[in-house]
Protein backbone atom coordinates (compact mmCIF):
# COMPACT_ATOMS: atom_id res chain seq x y z
CA UNK A 1 72.56 196.75 -43.76
CA UNK A 2 70.67 199.98 -44.20
CA UNK A 3 66.92 200.27 -44.43
CA UNK A 4 66.97 201.26 -48.09
CA UNK A 5 68.89 198.06 -49.00
CA UNK A 6 66.52 195.79 -47.09
CA UNK A 7 64.32 195.00 -50.10
CA UNK A 8 67.38 193.70 -51.98
CA UNK A 9 68.09 190.98 -49.40
CA UNK A 10 67.50 187.60 -51.06
CA UNK A 11 68.45 185.53 -48.00
CA UNK A 12 65.31 184.58 -46.03
CA UNK A 13 67.16 182.85 -43.22
CA UNK A 14 65.36 179.52 -43.71
CA UNK A 15 67.08 176.43 -45.11
CA UNK A 16 65.64 173.11 -46.24
CA UNK A 17 67.74 169.94 -45.83
CA UNK A 18 69.24 168.53 -49.01
CA UNK A 19 66.87 166.19 -50.94
CA UNK A 20 64.03 167.01 -48.54
CA UNK A 21 61.27 167.03 -51.14
CA UNK A 22 62.60 163.99 -53.05
CA UNK A 23 62.35 161.78 -49.96
CA UNK A 24 59.25 163.42 -48.44
CA UNK A 25 56.68 161.08 -50.01
CA UNK A 26 58.59 157.97 -48.95
CA UNK A 27 58.91 159.27 -45.39
CA UNK A 28 55.18 159.99 -45.11
CA UNK A 29 54.19 156.60 -46.54
CA UNK A 30 56.55 154.71 -44.23
CA UNK A 31 55.13 156.61 -41.23
CA UNK A 32 51.57 155.73 -42.31
CA UNK A 33 52.47 152.03 -42.68
CA UNK A 34 54.04 152.10 -39.22
CA UNK A 35 50.84 153.58 -37.74
CA UNK A 36 48.77 150.78 -39.34
CA UNK A 37 51.00 148.12 -37.76
CA UNK A 38 50.53 149.53 -34.25
CA UNK A 39 46.81 149.21 -33.39
CA UNK A 40 47.15 150.06 -29.68
CA UNK A 41 48.36 153.59 -29.05
CA UNK A 42 48.51 153.25 -25.29
CA UNK A 43 45.47 155.33 -24.34
CA UNK A 44 42.17 153.80 -23.16
CA UNK A 45 38.88 155.50 -22.30
CA UNK A 46 36.93 153.91 -19.43
CA UNK A 47 33.72 152.09 -20.36
CA UNK A 48 30.58 154.29 -20.38
CA UNK A 49 32.73 157.41 -19.83
CA UNK A 50 30.75 159.67 -22.15
CA UNK A 51 27.37 158.34 -20.97
CA UNK A 52 27.47 160.16 -17.62
CA UNK A 53 29.80 163.00 -18.57
CA UNK A 54 27.08 165.54 -19.38
CA UNK A 55 25.29 164.97 -16.07
CA UNK A 56 28.53 165.36 -14.12
CA UNK A 57 29.32 168.68 -15.83
CA UNK A 58 25.79 170.05 -15.23
CA UNK A 59 25.85 169.15 -11.53
CA UNK A 60 29.13 171.00 -11.15
CA UNK A 61 27.68 174.03 -12.92
CA UNK A 62 24.58 174.10 -10.73
CA UNK A 63 26.63 174.15 -7.53
CA UNK A 64 26.92 177.69 -6.17
CA UNK A 65 30.49 178.94 -5.99
CA UNK A 66 31.86 180.18 -2.72
CA UNK A 67 32.12 183.97 -2.65
CA UNK A 68 35.27 185.31 -1.11
CA UNK A 69 35.73 188.91 -0.08
CA UNK A 70 38.99 190.77 -0.11
CA UNK A 71 40.07 191.99 3.27
CA UNK A 72 42.48 194.82 2.62
CA UNK A 73 43.92 196.37 5.70
CA UNK A 74 43.33 200.12 6.24
CA UNK A 75 47.07 200.86 5.99
CA UNK A 76 47.02 199.50 2.41
CA UNK A 77 44.38 202.10 1.51
CA UNK A 78 46.46 204.85 3.05
CA UNK A 79 49.62 203.70 1.26
CA UNK A 80 47.88 203.64 -2.13
CA UNK A 81 46.46 207.13 -1.61
CA UNK A 82 49.89 208.43 -0.57
CA UNK A 83 51.49 206.87 -3.64
CA UNK A 84 48.87 208.47 -5.92
CA UNK A 85 49.41 211.87 -4.33
CA UNK A 86 53.19 211.60 -4.61
CA UNK A 87 52.89 210.66 -8.27
CA UNK A 88 50.49 213.51 -8.95
CA UNK A 89 52.76 216.10 -7.33
CA UNK A 90 55.90 214.90 -9.10
CA UNK A 91 54.18 214.97 -12.49
CA UNK A 92 52.47 218.30 -11.90
CA UNK A 93 55.30 220.32 -10.39
CA UNK A 94 58.27 218.88 -12.26
CA UNK A 95 60.21 221.39 -14.29
CA UNK A 96 59.94 220.67 -17.96
CA UNK A 97 63.15 221.04 -19.88
CA UNK A 98 62.82 222.66 -23.24
CA UNK A 99 65.40 221.94 -25.88
CA UNK A 100 66.28 224.26 -28.69
CA UNK A 101 68.71 224.16 -31.57
CA UNK A 102 70.72 226.96 -29.95
CA UNK A 103 71.50 224.77 -26.92
CA UNK A 104 73.31 222.18 -29.07
CA UNK A 105 77.06 222.46 -29.45
CA UNK A 106 77.98 223.57 -32.99
CA UNK A 107 80.65 220.89 -33.38
CA UNK A 108 78.19 218.15 -32.43
CA UNK A 109 75.59 219.47 -34.86
CA UNK A 110 78.12 219.77 -37.66
CA UNK A 111 79.46 216.24 -37.15
CA UNK A 112 75.90 214.87 -37.11
CA UNK A 113 75.03 216.56 -40.39
CA UNK A 114 78.28 215.48 -42.03
CA UNK A 115 78.04 211.86 -40.86
CA UNK A 116 74.41 211.42 -41.86
CA UNK A 117 73.59 211.20 -45.52
CA UNK A 118 71.25 214.16 -45.99
CA UNK A 119 70.39 215.51 -49.40
CA UNK A 120 69.29 219.09 -50.01
CA UNK A 121 65.57 218.31 -50.03
CA UNK A 122 65.83 216.63 -46.62
CA UNK A 123 67.75 219.61 -45.31
CA UNK A 124 65.06 221.95 -46.63
CA UNK A 125 62.36 220.04 -44.76
CA UNK A 126 64.28 220.56 -41.51
CA UNK A 127 64.12 224.32 -41.89
CA UNK A 128 60.57 225.24 -40.96
CA UNK A 129 60.81 228.79 -39.67
CA UNK A 130 61.31 231.08 -42.67
CA UNK A 131 62.10 234.15 -40.53
CA UNK A 132 65.03 232.41 -38.87
CA UNK A 133 66.27 231.16 -42.23
CA UNK A 134 66.07 234.60 -43.83
CA UNK A 135 67.61 236.45 -40.91
CA UNK A 136 70.42 234.05 -40.08
CA UNK A 137 71.49 232.72 -43.46
CA UNK A 138 70.49 235.10 -46.21
CA UNK A 139 71.36 238.33 -44.41
CA UNK A 140 74.63 237.15 -42.89
CA UNK A 141 77.79 238.81 -44.12
CA UNK A 142 80.98 236.91 -44.64
CA UNK A 143 84.40 238.45 -44.31
CA UNK A 144 86.89 238.30 -47.17
CA UNK A 145 89.23 236.20 -45.03
CA UNK A 146 86.58 233.52 -44.43
CA UNK A 147 85.71 233.40 -48.13
CA UNK A 148 89.40 233.09 -49.06
CA UNK A 149 89.88 230.32 -46.50
CA UNK A 150 86.86 228.43 -47.86
CA UNK A 151 88.11 228.70 -51.46
CA UNK A 152 91.61 227.58 -50.49
CA UNK A 153 90.52 224.61 -48.38
CA UNK A 154 87.30 223.36 -50.00
CA UNK A 155 87.18 224.38 -53.66
CA UNK A 156 89.23 222.55 -56.28
CA UNK A 157 90.72 225.24 -58.53
CA UNK A 158 91.01 222.86 -61.49
CA UNK A 159 87.23 222.43 -61.52
CA UNK A 160 86.80 226.20 -61.66
CA UNK A 161 89.31 226.57 -64.49
CA UNK A 162 87.74 223.76 -66.56
CA UNK A 163 84.33 225.42 -66.51
């Protein structure tokens, strides 16, 4: 499915069992009646549990926590500094590769353009440098043989005769 057809998808992916809403009220009421019949749920709070709970929490908060210091060995400091330096040198002195349209194989570029569904306005947005466009496309000369080949292979002569 393509992105432009995504808004037409009517399938949400969620399914409700058959007759779910017709039996829902009966299911809820039967569950409520079952809860009324079972008075003991199995959990019991000790007697006077909440009476002394606040005092217990406050005494734990007043107790001073034990402070622990981190003992990092000196070789760990040296290793972290060495790692930082190595990272800094690799990022600073790495050769940056620049890519240009001229470095792409013409066959690959042509197959990409033909396989993708570009319209003329999208193609026009790709051409940003007007000097390159004027020099390479508008001022290029085509030989008679290449024009003849194009007409023979690409143009339908019946369309030309009808117009």
